[in-house]
Amino acid sequence: MEMLTEVQVGRQGTHIDVTHVDYEAEGKKYTLEYRWQTILCGDAPAVTETGRCSRND
C-alpha cells in the first residue's frame, strides 16, 4: 500500500509531528495515527539541529 501526501508551505516552511488518516474498510470506519516527523523548509537552505528550517537572509 502507498499513500501520497501533498503539503503546501510558505517561505518559512513547516514542521509536522503527527498525521491522522481516516479510512473505511469492510463498512467500518477507522483512524490511523502515525508519528512520522516531517520538516519542509520551503526555500530555506537547511534543517537545523533543533529540527527547524534555517534561513540565511
Foldseek 3Di string as FASTA:
>chain_A
DDDDDDDDDDQQWDKDQKDWDWDDDPRDIDIDIDGDIDTTRRPADDADPVRGGHHDD
